[in-house]
Structures are given as structure tokens and as C-alpha cells.
Protein backbone atom coordinates (compact mmCIF):
# COMPACT_ATOMS: atom_id res chain seq x y z
CA MET A 1 55.72 -35.73 -48.99
CA LEU A 2 54.73 -38.76 -46.96
CA ASN A 3 54.92 -42.13 -48.62
CA HIS A 4 51.61 -43.81 -47.74
CA LYS A 5 52.48 -47.40 -48.56
CA ASN A 6 50.21 -48.55 -45.74
CA PRO A 7 46.56 -47.95 -46.93
CA PHE A 8 45.35 -47.53 -43.33
CA ILE A 9 47.48 -44.44 -42.59
CA PRO A 10 45.26 -41.96 -44.56
CA VAL A 11 42.19 -43.37 -42.80
CA VAL A 12 43.77 -42.84 -39.38
CA ILE A 13 44.72 -39.26 -40.28
CA VAL A 14 41.16 -38.43 -41.42
CA LEU A 15 39.67 -39.91 -38.25
CA PHE A 16 42.11 -37.92 -36.13
CA ILE A 17 41.09 -34.67 -37.87
CA LEU A 18 37.39 -35.45 -37.35
CA ILE A 19 37.89 -36.18 -33.64
CA VAL A 20 39.84 -32.95 -33.07
CA SER A 21 37.21 -30.93 -34.99
CA GLN A 22 34.38 -32.41 -32.93
CA PHE A 23 36.30 -31.64 -29.72
CA PHE A 24 36.63 -27.92 -30.52
CA TYR A 25 33.08 -27.68 -31.83
CA SER A 26 31.72 -28.96 -28.53
CA PHE A 27 33.10 -25.84 -26.79
CA ILE A 28 31.63 -23.48 -29.38
CA ALA A 29 28.21 -25.10 -29.45
CA ASN A 30 27.72 -25.08 -25.67
CA PRO A 31 28.27 -21.60 -24.23
CA LYS A 32 28.45 -21.29 -20.47
CA ALA A 33 25.23 -20.36 -18.69
CA HIS A 34 24.98 -17.25 -16.54
CA PRO A 35 25.60 -18.21 -12.89
CA ASN A 36 22.09 -17.08 -11.93
CA ASP A 37 20.48 -19.34 -14.55
CA LYS A 38 21.51 -22.64 -12.98
CA ASN A 39 18.21 -24.46 -13.41
CA GLN A 40 17.85 -23.42 -17.09
CA LYS A 41 14.06 -23.26 -16.67
CA GLY A 42 13.64 -19.50 -16.78
CA HIS A 43 13.63 -18.79 -13.04
CA ILE A 44 16.20 -17.14 -10.85
CA THR A 45 17.87 -19.67 -8.57
CA ASP A 46 20.21 -17.67 -6.34
CA THR A 47 18.80 -14.16 -6.05
CA VAL A 48 18.82 -12.65 -2.57
CA PRO A 49 15.22 -12.54 -1.24
CA GLY A 50 13.64 -9.15 -1.74
CA THR A 51 16.01 -8.14 -4.55
CA ILE A 52 16.19 -8.80 -8.26
CA ASN A 53 19.40 -9.15 -10.24
CA PHE A 54 19.47 -6.81 -13.25
CA HIS A 55 20.90 -9.50 -15.57
CA ASP A 56 17.96 -11.75 -14.81
CA LEU A 57 15.58 -8.83 -15.04
CA LEU A 58 16.35 -8.48 -18.73
CA THR A 59 16.71 -12.14 -19.68
CA VAL A 60 14.43 -14.43 -17.70
CA LYS A 61 10.95 -14.52 -16.25
CA VAL A 62 10.95 -14.08 -12.48
CA LYS A 63 8.45 -15.51 -10.06
CA PRO A 64 6.71 -12.50 -8.44
CA ASN A 65 7.73 -12.64 -4.78
CA THR A 66 7.60 -9.01 -3.74
CA PRO A 67 4.92 -6.29 -3.91
CA THR A 68 6.94 -4.76 -6.77
CA ASP A 69 6.25 -7.57 -9.22
CA TYR A 70 6.45 -5.17 -12.17
CA PHE A 71 10.21 -5.77 -11.98
CA ALA A 72 9.47 -9.37 -12.93
CA PHE A 73 9.19 -9.42 -16.67
CA ASP A 74 10.36 -11.41 -19.62
CA ARG A 75 12.25 -9.14 -22.01
CA THR A 76 10.09 -10.39 -24.89
CA LEU A 77 6.96 -9.11 -23.15
CA ILE A 78 7.96 -5.51 -23.74
CA TYR A 79 6.40 -5.72 -27.19
CA GLY A 80 3.31 -7.62 -26.01
CA PRO A 81 -0.07 -6.29 -24.86
CA ALA A 82 -0.27 -4.00 -21.86
CA ASN A 83 -0.89 -5.58 -18.47
CA SER A 84 -4.01 -3.48 -17.98
CA GLU A 85 -7.01 -2.34 -19.96
CA LYS A 86 -5.23 0.89 -20.88
CA ILE A 87 -3.34 0.98 -24.15
CA ALA A 88 0.08 2.65 -24.31
CA ASP A 89 -0.04 6.10 -25.87
CA THR A 90 1.84 6.11 -29.19
CA THR A 91 1.66 9.85 -29.85
CA LYS A 92 4.84 11.94 -29.82
CA GLN A 93 5.94 12.84 -26.31
CA ASN A 94 7.99 15.69 -24.88
CA PHE A 95 9.60 14.49 -21.64
CA LEU A 96 11.00 16.57 -18.82
CA LEU A 97 13.26 14.68 -16.43
CA ILE A 98 13.95 16.72 -13.32
CA GLY A 99 15.52 15.84 -9.99
CA ASP A 100 18.81 15.12 -8.24
CA SER A 101 22.14 13.65 -9.32
CA MET A 102 20.63 10.18 -9.87
CA LEU A 103 19.47 11.56 -13.22
CA GLU A 104 23.02 11.50 -14.58
CA GLY A 105 22.78 7.81 -15.43
CA LEU A 106 19.04 7.61 -16.05
CA GLY A 107 18.94 10.57 -18.41
CA LEU A 108 21.45 9.12 -20.85
CA ARG A 109 19.48 5.90 -21.16
CA MET A 110 16.17 7.76 -21.37
CA ASN A 111 17.71 9.64 -24.26
CA ASP A 112 18.18 6.30 -26.05
CA TYR A 113 14.47 5.55 -25.59
CA CYS A 114 13.46 8.97 -26.87
CA ASN A 115 15.70 8.52 -29.90
CA ALA A 116 14.20 5.09 -30.62
CA ASN A 117 10.60 6.28 -30.23
CA GLY A 118 10.82 9.69 -31.87
CA TYR A 119 10.31 11.64 -28.63
CA LYS A 120 11.87 14.85 -27.31
CA MET A 121 13.33 15.31 -23.86
CA HIS A 122 15.05 17.79 -21.58
CA GLN A 123 16.58 17.09 -18.21
CA VAL A 124 17.32 19.31 -15.23
CA ILE A 125 19.80 18.03 -12.64
CA TRP A 126 19.96 19.91 -9.35
CA TYR A 127 22.86 18.46 -7.40
CA SER A 128 22.26 17.60 -3.71
CA SER A 129 18.60 18.60 -4.07
CA SER A 130 15.71 17.15 -2.10
CA THR A 131 11.96 17.52 -1.69
CA LEU A 132 12.80 20.28 0.80
CA TRP A 133 14.68 22.24 -1.86
CA TYR A 134 12.31 21.70 -4.77
CA GLY A 135 9.31 22.21 -2.50
CA ASN A 136 10.58 25.61 -1.30
CA CYS A 137 10.88 27.26 -4.71
CA ASP A 138 9.22 27.37 -8.13
CA THR A 139 12.05 25.67 -10.05
CA ILE A 140 9.84 22.86 -11.34
CA ARG A 141 7.10 25.27 -12.41
CA TYR A 142 9.69 27.38 -14.23
CA PHE A 143 11.00 24.48 -16.32
CA VAL A 144 7.51 23.07 -16.91
CA GLU A 145 6.49 26.41 -18.40
CA LYS A 146 9.75 26.70 -20.33
CA TYR A 147 9.70 23.27 -22.01
CA ASN A 148 5.93 22.58 -21.93
CA PRO A 149 6.39 18.81 -21.49
CA THR A 150 3.65 16.26 -22.10
CA TYR A 151 5.17 13.96 -19.47
CA VAL A 152 7.32 14.68 -16.39
CA VAL A 153 9.66 12.20 -14.71
CA LEU A 154 10.58 13.21 -11.15
CA VAL A 155 13.71 11.70 -9.59
CA ILE A 156 13.87 13.26 -6.13
CA GLY A 157 14.47 11.71 -2.73
CA SER A 158 17.87 10.00 -2.74
CA MET A 159 19.23 12.63 -0.33
CA GLU A 160 16.50 11.91 2.22
CA LEU A 161 16.97 8.32 3.33
CA PHE A 162 17.83 9.32 6.90
CA ILE A 163 15.47 12.23 7.66
CA ARG A 164 13.63 11.77 10.95
CA ASN A 165 9.85 12.16 10.96
CA ILE A 166 10.03 12.67 7.21
CA LYS A 167 6.36 11.92 6.63
CA GLU A 168 5.35 14.85 8.81
CA ASN A 169 8.21 17.21 7.97
CA ARG A 170 8.34 16.86 4.18
CA LYS A 171 4.78 16.07 3.07
CA GLN A 172 3.91 19.72 2.38
CA PHE A 173 6.94 20.06 0.09
CA VAL A 174 6.02 16.94 -1.86
CA GLN A 175 2.53 18.37 -2.36
CA ASN A 176 4.00 21.67 -3.56
CA ILE A 177 6.14 19.82 -6.10
CA LEU A 178 3.12 17.95 -7.48
CA GLU A 179 1.10 21.16 -7.75
CA GLN A 180 3.85 22.72 -9.87
CA LEU A 181 3.31 20.07 -12.56
CA GLY A 182 0.14 21.80 -13.64
CA GLY A 183 -1.87 18.61 -14.10
CA ARG A 184 0.58 17.02 -16.54
CA LYS A 185 1.16 13.28 -16.75
CA TYR A 186 4.02 12.19 -14.52
CA ILE A 187 5.76 9.40 -12.66
CA TRP A 188 7.92 9.73 -9.55
CA VAL A 189 10.96 7.45 -9.44
CA GLY A 190 11.87 6.48 -5.90
CA PRO A 191 15.48 6.52 -4.68
CA PRO A 192 17.82 3.58 -5.35
CA ASN A 193 18.27 2.70 -1.67
CA TRP A 194 21.73 1.59 -0.61
CA THR A 195 20.38 1.06 2.92
CA ASP A 196 17.02 1.14 4.71
CA ASP A 197 15.28 4.51 4.73
CA THR A 198 13.28 6.25 7.45
CA GLY A 199 10.15 6.69 5.35
CA ILE A 200 10.90 8.59 2.13
CA ASN A 201 9.47 5.80 -0.04
CA ASP A 202 6.33 5.56 2.08
CA LEU A 203 5.91 9.33 1.93
CA LEU A 204 6.23 9.45 -1.86
CA SER A 205 4.06 6.42 -2.59
CA SER A 206 1.27 7.72 -0.34
CA SER A 207 1.40 11.25 -1.77
CA VAL A 208 1.37 10.67 -5.53
CA ASP A 209 -1.54 9.48 -7.65
CA ASP A 210 -2.16 5.75 -8.03
CA GLY A 211 0.06 4.17 -10.64
CA THR A 212 2.62 6.97 -10.73
CA PHE A 213 5.25 5.81 -8.22
CA PHE A 214 8.13 3.57 -9.25
CA LEU A 215 9.68 1.86 -6.23
CA SER A 216 13.40 1.36 -6.85
CA LYS A 217 14.60 0.21 -3.43
CA ASN A 218 14.12 -3.54 -4.09
CA LEU A 219 16.38 -3.58 -7.12
CA ASN A 220 19.93 -4.85 -6.78
CA PHE A 221 22.27 -2.10 -7.98
CA GLU A 222 25.94 -2.08 -8.83
CA ARG A 223 27.40 1.00 -7.12
CA SER A 224 30.09 3.46 -8.12
CA THR A 225 33.04 4.19 -5.84
CA ASP A 226 30.94 6.40 -3.54
CA GLY A 227 28.77 3.40 -2.68
CA VAL A 228 25.65 5.44 -3.41
CA HIS A 229 25.19 6.15 -7.10
CA PRO A 230 24.54 3.23 -9.46
CA THR A 231 27.24 2.62 -12.05
CA SER A 232 26.43 3.80 -15.57
CA SER A 233 25.58 0.27 -16.73
CA SER A 234 23.43 -0.35 -13.65
CA ALA A 235 21.64 2.98 -14.11
CA SER A 236 21.00 2.03 -17.72
CA ARG A 237 19.31 -1.21 -16.67
CA TRP A 238 17.41 0.73 -14.00
CA MET A 239 16.01 2.93 -16.76
CA ASP A 240 15.05 -0.18 -18.73
CA SER A 241 12.84 -1.33 -15.86
CA ILE A 242 11.37 2.16 -15.45
CA ALA A 243 10.56 2.24 -19.16
CA THR A 244 8.71 -1.06 -18.86
CA PHE A 245 6.74 0.35 -15.92
CA MET A 246 5.88 3.43 -17.99
CA MET A 247 4.60 1.31 -20.85
CA LYS A 248 2.83 -1.45 -18.94
CA LYS A 249 2.03 -0.58 -15.34
CA CYS A 250 1.68 3.15 -14.75
CA SER A 251 -1.60 5.04 -14.82
CA HIS A 252 -0.70 6.85 -18.06
CA PRO A 253 1.11 4.23 -20.17
CA VAL A 254 3.21 5.44 -23.06
CA MET A 255 4.98 3.47 -25.78
CA MET A 256 8.62 2.83 -24.87
CA LYS A 257 10.04 0.69 -27.65
CA TYR A 258 13.35 -0.84 -26.58
CA PRO A 259 16.31 1.05 -28.11
CA VAL A 260 18.60 -1.15 -30.18
CA PHE A 261 21.16 1.62 -30.66
CA LYS A 262 22.51 4.36 -28.42
CA ALA A 263 21.59 7.92 -29.26
CA LYS A 264 24.35 9.78 -31.09
CA ARG A 265 23.85 12.99 -29.12
CA ASN A 266 23.50 13.63 -25.40
CA PRO A 267 20.15 15.01 -24.20
CA PRO A 268 19.68 18.75 -23.62
CA THR A 269 20.65 19.21 -19.98
CA VAL A 270 20.53 22.00 -17.40
CA LEU A 271 22.89 21.59 -14.45
CA LEU A 272 22.07 23.47 -11.24
CA PRO A 273 24.75 23.92 -8.53
CA PRO A 274 24.31 22.30 -5.10
CA ASN A 275 22.94 25.42 -3.46
CA PRO A 276 19.63 25.56 -1.52
CA PRO A 277 16.91 27.99 -2.62
CA GLU A 278 17.01 31.50 -1.19
CA SER A 279 13.98 30.81 0.99
CA LEU A 280 16.09 28.40 3.05
CA LEU A 281 19.07 30.70 3.51
């Protein structure tokens, strides 16, 4: 035990402990800001023009600077009033998600939303499919009749970024797909472009009903090793923005309460092999 004959030694020790404690507390009390939040005023400071970073999409309010300003939302607004005169439908929904391989990531996150909101869902993934494939058969009609959904989410078009004269060559197939929905509520999710397209987004947006097309091409995705498909975490945030569109901006808004927890079970899924319909063979 120390012999504190000098009365000032205990005082010095106490001061030293206080200084060290304050030093470590300063690191705990001041977490580092996200690199995209440099101005700390709620606006993105270093986002590439024409794109929106997913981290900022879910945390800060973005100045609308593109035609797709429904990507610009404050996370807290998801529980606020709708951005139109229409009120989000709160009745129980039965969703059918149908399309190409981009559904692999979206479907899992959509399942979280359905679990949080008390909805049902089924998904059908047809690998390598396109509007040409779906528009040359009755696959969509078959699954619509089988599951009798109240709402259909189409995710078709990612295989058609480079088709020449696509507006003329594929329009009839897009129309056939829409007719197979049987008048049900729907949205069509555009492809997550990894490069410029030759018109698939223009074709889809001009063919569907007003307020039913979700343009994905201006989002900034993290890609998997193939450079095409969004990573699972990026696809999850993609679905978050689609859910906000479905609740606030689409023509048939539906309640999409943000899921706090992941669903314990995977959604019912039908996987179709990458084979074209018989009519194209």
C-alpha cells in the first residue's frame, strides 16, 4: 500500500483518472459520420448525379434532382400520410411476385414485409426469362388463376437491355402479359440497369397504367460477382424503396409497414428452368 504522506498525491491521482475517463468518453460520445453525410444537414453531399446511394436513401432526406424523386424519402416518412389523395389500403393482401432471376433477392425482402403486415405471398422465378418468353405463353395467367392474388408484382426485363428496336418488337408481348393479369392491381418493377439500355424502360413505362411502373435504373446498386445481379443486401434495400413506392406513390397504394424483424420462413417459391416456351422452339 502506498504511503500518502504528501496530501497532494491523492488529488493528483483523482485528477488523472478523471482526465483519462473524459478522453475515452469523447470517442464513445462522438461516433463517426457516414462518408456521404459530410454536411450533417440531411442532404447527400457526394452522390454521383443521376444516382442515389442506398445508405442515404434509408437515412437522410434527398433533394429531388431526377424525375424519379420517389426515391428521395426520409425513412421516418414511411409512417406518415400518403403523398397523394389516395389512402393506402390496409386490408389483407395476397401478393404474387413473378418474373426473372432478379426476384431472388427481392422476394426474400418482400417476404419480410408480408410477415410484418400480415399478408400472404407466392413467387414464381423463371430463370433467363423475358417479355418475349412470358408474352408467348400463358404462364402468368396460370399462376394468377392458381393463387388468385389481390396484387401482382412483375419483375421482367433485365434480360432485355440490349434488344434492338425493342419498342416495336416486344410491345405486343408486354400487352399480352398485362392482359393475363385479369384486371388485378399490379406494379411493374423495371430492371436494375448495370449499363444503358436500348429502350426497355421506355417500353414498359409507356405500356403500363399510370402509377404502376417503378423505375429502378437510377438507383446505385452493389453488384454480385457477375456484375449484373444486386447483392442480397442491395436487393433488400431495393425492395425497401419499392415498398415505399407501393405505399405512397403508386396508383393502388397498399400499407407496407417497415419490417423490424426478418421472416422466419422463406416464401413459397416456384422455380422454372431457363427454357423458352414451346411456341418459340
